[in-house]
Amino acid sequence: MTTKTNAMRHFTVHHDGVTIPVSRGGRGRPLVLCPGLSSTQADLHELTELLRCDHDVMTFDLRGHGLASAVDRYSFEAFLGDLGAVMAELGRLALPSPPVLVGYSLGADLAVHYASECPDAVAELVLIDGANPVPEPFIIEADLPEFRAMFEDPATRRELERAKGTPRQVLLTAQDILDLNLEIDVVRSTILDRYRKIDCPISMIMSTSMAGDSGEGRAPWRNQNWRAGIERLVREQPHICTSWLDADHRLVFTHAPEIAQIIRSTQGPAGQAAS
């Protein structure tokens, strides 16, 4: 069923027992925005509205996020299936051209995998602080207590509780999120092979301090590893356009205008990526 509110259209996609809410609005070149782990289309509202000035933007919630259905277990492949189901539905809408596919964090990894499998369905990729072929895993065994404590922090849990029943809710448990982060490390260990299968233009928008600007603990190493991954990618794929923002991994929330401007400026007048 489709509803329309203030030029916004809302519809649902049913896939794998999950109901996925999709929102569409704006005008211009088609663009699909895929959220990341623990982020919802409601969280990305500012960036979405800015992009709608120049694009016909479609965004959605992954399973267990926002207004999408919850499931018993979560995995990278299941999230990839959600993106694929949304893209398949859009393929039935007679869009004037294949969309730009924008992914944030985990959403960037999903976008790369989808584009490598369905190259004709995507005109261009914009990857925001994700899909990074880091030389070393982001989380090692010695990091597990730190990450468990972070995900189980009482303040974090209270925030999640307050969001329940709203478009910003995240229904995954702390263990779900930790397991997915470990799985994403494995996915990124072979993601260079995925990039080799993609012919469309690719733009990266990355944070300079992905793990924050603290000079203590493992944060400096994580930030160095993050930059090294992109340097590794660009050495192999020199056509990839990379922009760096002085921000941490929350850049989609703290630097939405800058990100929207970068996306706007990387596209030429005919909708092609600028060199």
C-alpha atoms as a PDB file:
ATOM      1  CA  MET A   1       0.000   0.000   0.000  1.00  0.00           C
ATOM      2  CA  THR A   2       1.239   3.503  -0.859  1.00  0.00           C
ATOM      3  CA  THR A   3       0.384   6.711   0.976  1.00  0.00           C
ATOM      4  CA  LYS A   4       1.342  10.268   0.107  1.00  0.00           C
ATOM      5  CA  THR A   5       1.969  13.042   2.623  1.00  0.00           C
ATOM      6  CA  ASN A   6       3.285  16.505   1.644  1.00  0.00           C
ATOM      7  CA  ALA A   7       4.732  15.128  -1.630  1.00  0.00           C
ATOM      8  CA  MET A   8       6.276  12.246   0.297  1.00  0.00           C
ATOM      9  CA  ARG A   9       5.357   8.735  -0.713  1.00  0.00           C
ATOM     10  CA  HIS A  10       5.551   5.806   1.664  1.00  0.00           C
ATOM     11  CA  PHE A  11       5.274   2.129   0.805  1.00  0.00           C
ATOM     12  CA  THR A  12       6.360  -1.197   2.208  1.00  0.00           C
ATOM     13  CA  VAL A  13       8.416  -4.030   0.807  1.00  0.00           C
ATOM     14  CA  HIS A  14       7.833  -7.560   2.107  1.00  0.00           C
ATOM     15  CA  HIS A  15      10.868  -9.816   2.068  1.00  0.00           C
ATOM     16  CA  ASP A  16      11.949 -12.898   4.026  1.00  0.00           C
ATOM     17  CA  GLY A  17       9.139 -12.410   6.529  1.00  0.00           C
ATOM     18  CA  VAL A  18      10.185  -8.804   7.141  1.00  0.00           C
ATOM     19  CA  THR A  19       8.194  -5.652   6.395  1.00  0.00           C
ATOM     20  CA  ILE A  20      10.522  -2.891   5.202  1.00  0.00           C
ATOM     21  CA  PRO A  21       9.201   0.700   5.190  1.00  0.00           C
ATOM     22  CA  VAL A  22      10.379   2.838   2.274  1.00  0.00           C
ATOM     23  CA  SER A  23      10.048   6.626   1.913  1.00  0.00           C
ATOM     24  CA  ARG A  24      10.368   8.523  -1.363  1.00  0.00           C
ATOM     25  CA  GLY A  25      10.531  12.246  -1.993  1.00  0.00           C
ATOM     26  CA  GLY A  26      12.318  15.014  -3.875  1.00  0.00           C
ATOM     27  CA  ARG A  27      12.969  15.414  -7.548  1.00  0.00           C
ATOM     28  CA  GLY A  28      15.884  14.888  -9.860  1.00  0.00           C
ATOM     29  CA  ARG A  29      18.230  11.976 -10.357  1.00  0.00           C
ATOM     30  CA  PRO A  30      17.100   8.809  -8.517  1.00  0.00           C
ATOM     31  CA  LEU A  31      19.070   8.076  -5.351  1.00  0.00           C
ATOM     32  CA  VAL A  32      18.774   5.293  -2.769  1.00  0.00           C
ATOM     33  CA  LEU A  33      20.124   5.918   0.740  1.00  0.00           C
ATOM     34  CA  CYS A  34      20.938   2.815   2.789  1.00  0.00           C
ATOM     35  CA  PRO A  35      21.395   3.331   6.551  1.00  0.00           C
ATOM     36  CA  GLY A  36      24.028   1.558   8.596  1.00  0.00           C
ATOM     37  CA  LEU A  37      23.987  -0.620  11.671  1.00  0.00           C
ATOM     38  CA  SER A  38      22.091   1.047  14.543  1.00  0.00           C
ATOM     39  CA  SER A  39      20.896   3.899  12.310  1.00  0.00           C
ATOM     40  CA  THR A  40      17.459   4.440  10.822  1.00  0.00           C
ATOM     41  CA  GLN A  41      15.988   6.514   8.033  1.00  0.00           C
ATOM     42  CA  ALA A  42      14.613   8.806  10.757  1.00  0.00           C
ATOM     43  CA  ASP A  43      18.150   9.325  12.082  1.00  0.00           C
ATOM     44  CA  LEU A  44      19.287  10.283   8.572  1.00  0.00           C
ATOM     45  CA  HIS A  45      16.482  12.820   8.156  1.00  0.00           C
ATOM     46  CA  GLU A  46      18.720  15.898   7.783  1.00  0.00           C
ATOM     47  CA  LEU A  47      20.925  14.347   5.112  1.00  0.00           C
ATOM     48  CA  THR A  48      17.902  12.915   3.326  1.00  0.00           C
ATOM     49  CA  GLU A  49      16.136  16.278   3.144  1.00  0.00           C
ATOM     50  CA  LEU A  50      19.262  17.981   1.804  1.00  0.00           C
ATOM     51  CA  LEU A  51      19.674  15.326  -0.878  1.00  0.00           C
ATOM     52  CA  ARG A  52      16.032  15.706  -1.913  1.00  0.00           C
ATOM     53  CA  CYS A  53      16.801  19.210  -3.190  1.00  0.00           C
ATOM     54  CA  ASP A  54      18.576  17.593  -6.150  1.00  0.00           C
ATOM     55  CA  HIS A  55      17.473  13.966  -6.146  1.00  0.00           C
ATOM     56  CA  ASP A  56      14.430  11.722  -6.086  1.00  0.00           C
ATOM     57  CA  VAL A  57      15.505  10.060  -2.818  1.00  0.00           C
ATOM     58  CA  MET A  58      14.354   6.696  -1.563  1.00  0.00           C
ATOM     59  CA  THR A  59      15.409   5.521   1.874  1.00  0.00           C
ATOM     60  CA  PHE A  60      14.338   2.655   4.114  1.00  0.00           C
ATOM     61  CA  ASP A  61      14.923   0.810   7.370  1.00  0.00           C
ATOM     62  CA  LEU A  62      16.887  -2.396   7.656  1.00  0.00           C
ATOM     63  CA  ARG A  63      15.335  -5.262   9.630  1.00  0.00           C
ATOM     64  CA  GLY A  64      15.253  -4.603  13.367  1.00  0.00           C
ATOM     65  CA  HIS A  65      15.667  -0.867  12.789  1.00  0.00           C
ATOM     66  CA  GLY A  66      13.117   1.934  12.784  1.00  0.00           C
ATOM     67  CA  LEU A  67       9.715   0.709  11.666  1.00  0.00           C
ATOM     68  CA  ALA A  68      10.992  -2.465   9.973  1.00  0.00           C
ATOM     69  CA  SER A  69      10.139  -5.860  11.440  1.00  0.00           C
ATOM     70  CA  ALA A  70      12.395  -7.528  13.968  1.00  0.00           C
ATOM     71  CA  VAL A  71      13.741 -11.069  13.519  1.00  0.00           C
ATOM     72  CA  ASP A  72      15.318 -13.675  15.768  1.00  0.00           C
ATOM     73  CA  ARG A  73      18.805 -13.439  14.238  1.00  0.00           C
ATOM     74  CA  TYR A  74      20.697 -10.891  12.201  1.00  0.00           C
ATOM     75  CA  SER A  75      23.470 -11.300   9.654  1.00  0.00           C
ATOM     76  CA  PHE A  76      25.210  -9.414   6.871  1.00  0.00           C
ATOM     77  CA  GLU A  77      23.551 -11.604   4.237  1.00  0.00           C
ATOM     78  CA  ALA A  78      20.113 -10.917   5.720  1.00  0.00           C
ATOM     79  CA  PHE A  79      20.685  -7.149   5.579  1.00  0.00           C
ATOM     80  CA  LEU A  80      21.990  -7.514   2.015  1.00  0.00           C
ATOM     81  CA  GLY A  81      18.738  -9.294   1.191  1.00  0.00           C
ATOM     82  CA  ASP A  82      16.795  -6.299   2.550  1.00  0.00           C
ATOM     83  CA  LEU A  83      18.690  -3.920   0.261  1.00  0.00           C
ATOM     84  CA  GLY A  84      18.199  -6.267  -2.678  1.00  0.00           C
ATOM     85  CA  ALA A  85      14.454  -6.472  -2.029  1.00  0.00           C
ATOM     86  CA  VAL A  86      14.142  -2.683  -1.936  1.00  0.00           C
ATOM     87  CA  MET A  87      16.170  -2.302  -5.144  1.00  0.00           C
ATOM     88  CA  ALA A  88      14.041  -4.963  -6.843  1.00  0.00           C
ATOM     89  CA  GLU A  89      10.882  -3.089  -5.887  1.00  0.00           C
ATOM     90  CA  LEU A  90      12.333   0.158  -7.255  1.00  0.00           C
ATOM     91  CA  GLY A  91      13.079  -1.672 -10.483  1.00  0.00           C
ATOM     92  CA  ARG A  92       9.318  -1.982 -10.945  1.00  0.00           C
ATOM     93  CA  LEU A  93       8.752   1.780 -10.587  1.00  0.00           C
ATOM     94  CA  ALA A  94       9.979   2.717 -14.077  1.00  0.00           C
ATOM     95  CA  LEU A  95      12.653   5.105 -12.816  1.00  0.00           C
ATOM     96  CA  PRO A  96      14.169   7.251 -15.592  1.00  0.00           C
ATOM     97  CA  SER A  97      17.642   5.841 -14.889  1.00  0.00           C
ATOM     98  CA  PRO A  98      19.386   3.492 -12.454  1.00  0.00           C
ATOM     99  CA  PRO A  99      19.803   5.203  -9.083  1.00  0.00           C
ATOM    100  CA  VAL A 100      22.847   6.502  -7.308  1.00  0.00           C
ATOM    101  CA  LEU A 101      23.309   4.131  -4.361  1.00  0.00           C
ATOM    102  CA  VAL A 102      24.513   5.844  -1.176  1.00  0.00           C
ATOM    103  CA  GLY A 103      25.446   3.722   1.839  1.00  0.00           C
ATOM    104  CA  TYR A 104      26.515   4.747   5.325  1.00  0.00           C
ATOM    105  CA  SER A 105      28.772   2.485   7.441  1.00  0.00           C
ATOM    106  CA  LEU A 106      27.353  -1.049   7.114  1.00  0.00           C
ATOM    107  CA  GLY A 107      25.140   0.385   4.381  1.00  0.00           C
ATOM    108  CA  ALA A 108      28.277   1.157   2.365  1.00  0.00           C
ATOM    109  CA  ASP A 109      29.388  -2.472   2.591  1.00  0.00           C
ATOM    110  CA  LEU A 110      25.923  -3.604   1.525  1.00  0.00           C
ATOM    111  CA  ALA A 111      26.052  -1.191  -1.419  1.00  0.00           C
ATOM    112  CA  VAL A 112      29.405  -2.554  -2.625  1.00  0.00           C
ATOM    113  CA  HIS A 113      28.209  -6.150  -2.412  1.00  0.00           C
ATOM    114  CA  TYR A 114      24.944  -5.321  -4.169  1.00  0.00           C
ATOM    115  CA  ALA A 115      26.663  -3.380  -6.974  1.00  0.00           C
ATOM    116  CA  SER A 116      29.165  -6.186  -7.513  1.00  0.00           C
ATOM    117  CA  GLU A 117      26.294  -8.636  -7.984  1.00  0.00           C
ATOM    118  CA  CYS A 118      23.886  -6.366  -9.907  1.00  0.00           C
ATOM    119  CA  PRO A 119      26.091  -3.940 -11.857  1.00  0.00           C
ATOM    120  CA  ASP A 120      23.378  -2.764 -14.224  1.00  0.00           C
ATOM    121  CA  ALA A 121      21.095  -1.728 -11.371  1.00  0.00           C
ATOM    122  CA  VAL A 122      23.358   1.047 -10.036  1.00  0.00           C
ATOM    123  CA  ALA A 123      24.554   4.190 -11.831  1.00  0.00           C
ATOM    124  CA  GLU A 124      27.026   5.301  -9.177  1.00  0.00           C
ATOM    125  CA  LEU A 125      28.136   4.450  -5.637  1.00  0.00           C
ATOM    126  CA  VAL A 126      28.677   6.930  -2.806  1.00  0.00           C
ATOM    127  CA  LEU A 127      30.151   5.217   0.253  1.00  0.00           C
ATOM    128  CA  ILE A 128      30.124   7.063   3.576  1.00  0.00           C
ATOM    129  CA  ASP A 129      32.586   5.809   6.216  1.00  0.00           C
ATOM    130  CA  GLY A 130      32.254   2.138   5.397  1.00  0.00           C
ATOM    131  CA  ALA A 131      33.244  -0.603   2.944  1.00  0.00           C
ATOM    132  CA  ASN A 132      36.853  -0.021   3.975  1.00  0.00           C
ATOM    133  CA  PRO A 133      39.398  -2.805   3.194  1.00  0.00           C
ATOM    134  CA  VAL A 134      41.300  -2.165   6.421  1.00  0.00           C
ATOM    135  CA  PRO A 135      44.640  -4.008   6.663  1.00  0.00           C
ATOM    136  CA  GLU A 136      43.839  -5.312  10.162  1.00  0.00           C
ATOM    137  CA  PRO A 137      40.513  -6.274  11.790  1.00  0.00           C
ATOM    138  CA  PHE A 138      38.842  -3.383  13.597  1.00  0.00           C
ATOM    139  CA  ILE A 139      38.018  -5.595  16.594  1.00  0.00           C
ATOM    140  CA  ILE A 140      40.432  -8.183  17.944  1.00  0.00           C
ATOM    141  CA  GLU A 141      39.859 -10.561  20.850  1.00  0.00           C
ATOM    142  CA  ALA A 142      41.528  -8.188  23.311  1.00  0.00           C
ATOM    143  CA  ASP A 143      38.982  -5.512  22.332  1.00  0.00           C
ATOM    144  CA  LEU A 144      35.910  -7.593  23.147  1.00  0.00           C
ATOM    145  CA  PRO A 145      35.526  -6.470  26.792  1.00  0.00           C
ATOM    146  CA  GLU A 146      35.759  -2.812  25.712  1.00  0.00           C
ATOM    147  CA  PHE A 147      33.140  -3.204  23.008  1.00  0.00           C
ATOM    148  CA  ARG A 148      30.817  -5.259  25.212  1.00  0.00           C
ATOM    149  CA  ALA A 149      31.004  -2.533  27.837  1.00  0.00           C
ATOM    150  CA  MET A 150      30.318   0.150  25.223  1.00  0.00           C
ATOM    151  CA  PHE A 151      27.286  -1.624  23.781  1.00  0.00           C
ATOM    152  CA  GLU A 152      25.950  -2.507  27.235  1.00  0.00           C
ATOM    153  CA  ASP A 153      26.561   0.926  28.745  1.00  0.00           C
ATOM    154  CA  PRO A 154      23.528   1.885  30.880  1.00  0.00           C
ATOM    155  CA  ALA A 155      23.223   5.282  29.190  1.00  0.00           C
ATOM    156  CA  THR A 156      23.217   3.602  25.788  1.00  0.00           C
ATOM    157  CA  ARG A 157      20.605   1.110  26.917  1.00  0.00           C
ATOM    158  CA  ARG A 158      18.406   3.907  28.323  1.00  0.00           C
ATOM    159  CA  GLU A 159      18.611   5.737  25.001  1.00  0.00           C
ATOM    160  CA  LEU A 160      17.568   2.587  23.171  1.00  0.00           C
ATOM    161  CA  GLU A 161      14.672   2.099  25.569  1.00  0.00           C
ATOM    162  CA  ARG A 162      13.458   5.664  25.022  1.00  0.00           C
ATOM    163  CA  ALA A 163      13.487   5.084  21.252  1.00  0.00           C
ATOM    164  CA  LYS A 164      11.345   1.932  21.408  1.00  0.00           C
ATOM    165  CA  GLY A 165       8.101   2.259  19.512  1.00  0.00           C
ATOM    166  CA  THR A 166       9.406   5.236  17.516  1.00  0.00           C
ATOM    167  CA  PRO A 167      10.894   5.500  14.005  1.00  0.00           C
ATOM    168  CA  ARG A 168      14.330   5.667  15.650  1.00  0.00           C
ATOM    169  CA  GLN A 169      14.159   2.376  17.515  1.00  0.00           C
ATOM    170  CA  VAL A 170      16.853  -0.299  17.206  1.00  0.00           C
ATOM    171  CA  LEU A 171      15.665  -3.722  18.373  1.00  0.00           C
ATOM    172  CA  LEU A 172      18.996  -5.543  18.134  1.00  0.00           C
ATOM    173  CA  THR A 173      20.631  -6.631  21.380  1.00  0.00           C
ATOM    174  CA  ALA A 174      24.148  -5.639  22.428  1.00  0.00           C
ATOM    175  CA  GLN A 175      25.293  -9.152  21.488  1.00  0.00           C
ATOM    176  CA  ASP A 176      23.641  -8.844  18.062  1.00  0.00           C
ATOM    177  CA  ILE A 177      25.549  -5.616  17.411  1.00  0.00           C
ATOM    178  CA  LEU A 178      28.860  -7.042  18.603  1.00  0.00           C
ATOM    179  CA  ASP A 179      28.424 -10.188  16.495  1.00  0.00           C
ATOM    180  CA  LEU A 180      27.629  -8.082  13.434  1.00  0.00           C
ATOM    181  CA  ASN A 181      30.693  -5.905  13.949  1.00  0.00           C
ATOM    182  CA  LEU A 182      32.828  -9.043  14.055  1.00  0.00           C
ATOM    183  CA  GLU A 183      31.128 -10.322  10.901  1.00  0.00           C
ATOM    184  CA  ILE A 184      31.709  -6.989   9.140  1.00  0.00           C
ATOM    185  CA  ASP A 185      35.442  -7.328   9.860  1.00  0.00           C
ATOM    186  CA  VAL A 186      35.383 -10.667   8.010  1.00  0.00           C
ATOM    187  CA  VAL A 187      33.390  -9.154   5.129  1.00  0.00           C
ATOM    188  CA  ARG A 188      35.889  -6.310   4.772  1.00  0.00           C
ATOM    189  CA  SER A 189      38.830  -8.718   4.661  1.00  0.00           C
ATOM    190  CA  THR A 190      37.735  -9.756   1.145  1.00  0.00           C
ATOM    191  CA  ILE A 191      35.914  -6.630  -0.038  1.00  0.00           C
ATOM    192  CA  LEU A 192      38.672  -5.680  -2.492  1.00  0.00           C
ATOM    193  CA  ASP A 193      37.475  -8.579  -4.634  1.00  0.00           C
ATOM    194  CA  ARG A 194      34.037  -6.952  -4.729  1.00  0.00           C
ATOM    195  CA  TYR A 195      35.442  -3.607  -5.843  1.00  0.00           C
ATOM    196  CA  ARG A 196      37.187  -5.334  -8.765  1.00  0.00           C
ATOM    197  CA  LYS A 197      33.775  -6.338 -10.145  1.00  0.00           C
ATOM    198  CA  ILE A 198      32.327  -2.804 -10.144  1.00  0.00           C
ATOM    199  CA  ASP A 199      32.571  -0.545 -13.201  1.00  0.00           C
ATOM    200  CA  CYS A 200      30.374   2.371 -12.156  1.00  0.00           C
ATOM    201  CA  PRO A 201      31.838   5.565 -10.615  1.00  0.00           C
ATOM    202  CA  ILE A 202      32.622   5.311  -6.895  1.00  0.00           C
ATOM    203  CA  SER A 203      33.008   8.154  -4.396  1.00  0.00           C
ATOM    204  CA  MET A 204      34.136   7.710  -0.799  1.00  0.00           C
ATOM    205  CA  ILE A 205      33.327  10.191   1.992  1.00  0.00           C
ATOM    206  CA  MET A 206      35.416   9.251   5.014  1.00  0.00           C
ATOM    207  CA  SER A 207      36.001  10.513   8.559  1.00  0.00           C
ATOM    208  CA  THR A 208      39.507  11.481   9.633  1.00  0.00           C
ATOM    209  CA  SER A 209      38.879  10.248  13.194  1.00  0.00           C
ATOM    210  CA  MET A 210      36.584   7.289  12.779  1.00  0.00           C
ATOM    211  CA  ALA A 211      37.226   6.119  16.354  1.00  0.00           C
ATOM    212  CA  GLY A 212      37.197   9.621  17.857  1.00  0.00           C
ATOM    213  CA  ASP A 213      39.995  12.087  18.526  1.00  0.00           C
ATOM    214  CA  SER A 214      41.281  10.594  21.778  1.00  0.00           C
ATOM    215  CA  GLY A 215      45.033  10.058  21.924  1.00  0.00           C
ATOM    216  CA  GLU A 216      44.614   7.226  24.410  1.00  0.00           C
ATOM    217  CA  GLY A 217      44.039   3.486  24.135  1.00  0.00           C
ATOM    218  CA  ARG A 218      43.433   1.955  20.739  1.00  0.00           C
ATOM    219  CA  ALA A 219      41.732   4.990  19.159  1.00  0.00           C
ATOM    220  CA  PRO A 220      44.874   6.331  17.391  1.00  0.00           C
ATOM    221  CA  TRP A 221      45.629   2.882  15.972  1.00  0.00           C
ATOM    222  CA  ARG A 222      42.020   2.431  14.797  1.00  0.00           C
ATOM    223  CA  ASN A 223      42.098   5.781  13.026  1.00  0.00           C
ATOM    224  CA  GLN A 224      45.421   4.924  11.382  1.00  0.00           C
ATOM    225  CA  ASN A 225      44.103   1.529  10.310  1.00  0.00           C
ATOM    226  CA  TRP A 226      41.006   3.241   8.868  1.00  0.00           C
ATOM    227  CA  ARG A 227      43.069   5.626   6.752  1.00  0.00           C
ATOM    228  CA  ALA A 228      45.421   2.812   5.692  1.00  0.00           C
ATOM    229  CA  GLY A 229      42.457   0.860   4.361  1.00  0.00           C
ATOM    230  CA  ILE A 230      41.398   3.698   2.065  1.00  0.00           C
ATOM    231  CA  GLU A 231      44.984   4.285   0.937  1.00  0.00           C
ATOM    232  CA  ARG A 232      45.150   0.591   0.083  1.00  0.00           C
ATOM    233  CA  LEU A 233      41.890   0.810  -1.868  1.00  0.00           C
ATOM    234  CA  VAL A 234      42.908   3.881  -3.859  1.00  0.00           C
ATOM    235  CA  ARG A 235      46.276   2.379  -4.747  1.00  0.00           C
ATOM    236  CA  GLU A 236      44.451  -0.504  -6.392  1.00  0.00           C
ATOM    237  CA  GLN A 237      41.477   1.509  -7.677  1.00  0.00           C
ATOM    238  CA  PRO A 238      42.919   4.981  -8.455  1.00  0.00           C
ATOM    239  CA  HIS A 239      39.703   6.096 -10.181  1.00  0.00           C
ATOM    240  CA  ILE A 240      37.871   6.173  -6.831  1.00  0.00           C
ATOM    241  CA  CYS A 241      37.247   9.752  -5.654  1.00  0.00           C
ATOM    242  CA  THR A 242      37.866  10.187  -1.908  1.00  0.00           C
ATOM    243  CA  SER A 243      36.852  13.074   0.354  1.00  0.00           C
ATOM    244  CA  TRP A 244      37.868  13.332   4.019  1.00  0.00           C
ATOM    245  CA  LEU A 245      35.855  15.167   6.662  1.00  0.00           C
ATOM    246  CA  ASP A 246      37.274  16.272  10.022  1.00  0.00           C
ATOM    247  CA  ALA A 247      34.791  14.167  11.959  1.00  0.00           C
ATOM    248  CA  ASP A 248      34.254  10.831  13.656  1.00  0.00           C
ATOM    249  CA  HIS A 249      31.975   7.998  12.538  1.00  0.00           C
ATOM    250  CA  ARG A 250      28.894  10.107  13.331  1.00  0.00           C
ATOM    251  CA  LEU A 251      29.671  12.335  10.326  1.00  0.00           C
ATOM    252  CA  VAL A 252      26.260  11.719   8.722  1.00  0.00           C
ATOM    253  CA  PHE A 253      24.682  13.418  11.738  1.00  0.00           C
ATOM    254  CA  THR A 254      27.295  16.109  12.423  1.00  0.00           C
ATOM    255  CA  HIS A 255      28.276  17.025   8.854  1.00  0.00           C
ATOM    256  CA  ALA A 256      25.149  16.400   6.760  1.00  0.00           C
ATOM    257  CA  PRO A 257      25.427  19.671   4.745  1.00  0.00           C
ATOM    258  CA  GLU A 258      29.038  18.939   3.818  1.00  0.00           C
ATOM    259  CA  ILE A 259      28.172  15.391   2.760  1.00  0.00           C
ATOM    260  CA  ALA A 260      25.242  16.584   0.645  1.00  0.00           C
ATOM    261  CA  GLN A 261      27.476  19.144  -1.040  1.00  0.00           C
ATOM    262  CA  ILE A 262      30.143  16.536  -1.810  1.00  0.00           C
ATOM    263  CA  ILE A 263      27.532  14.246  -3.363  1.00  0.00           C
ATOM    264  CA  ARG A 264      26.205  17.153  -5.394  1.00  0.00           C
ATOM    265  CA  SER A 265      29.672  18.235  -6.576  1.00  0.00           C
ATOM    266  CA  THR A 266      30.892  14.779  -7.602  1.00  0.00           C
ATOM    267  CA  GLN A 267      28.171  14.526 -10.236  1.00  0.00           C
ATOM    268  CA  GLY A 268      28.665  16.220 -13.578  1.00  0.00           C
ATOM    269  CA  PRO A 269      25.859  17.963 -15.500  1.00  0.00           C
ATOM    270  CA  ALA A 270      24.919  14.722 -17.244  1.00  0.00           C
ATOM    271  CA  GLY A 271      24.759  12.847 -13.964  1.00  0.00           C
ATOM    272  CA  GLN A 272      28.221  11.352 -14.326  1.00  0.00           C
ATOM    273  CA  ALA A 273      30.797  11.376 -11.570  1.00  0.00           C
ATOM    274  CA  ALA A 274      33.245  14.234 -11.866  1.00  0.00           C
ATOM    275  CA  SER A 275      36.904  13.391 -12.235  1.00  0.00           C
END
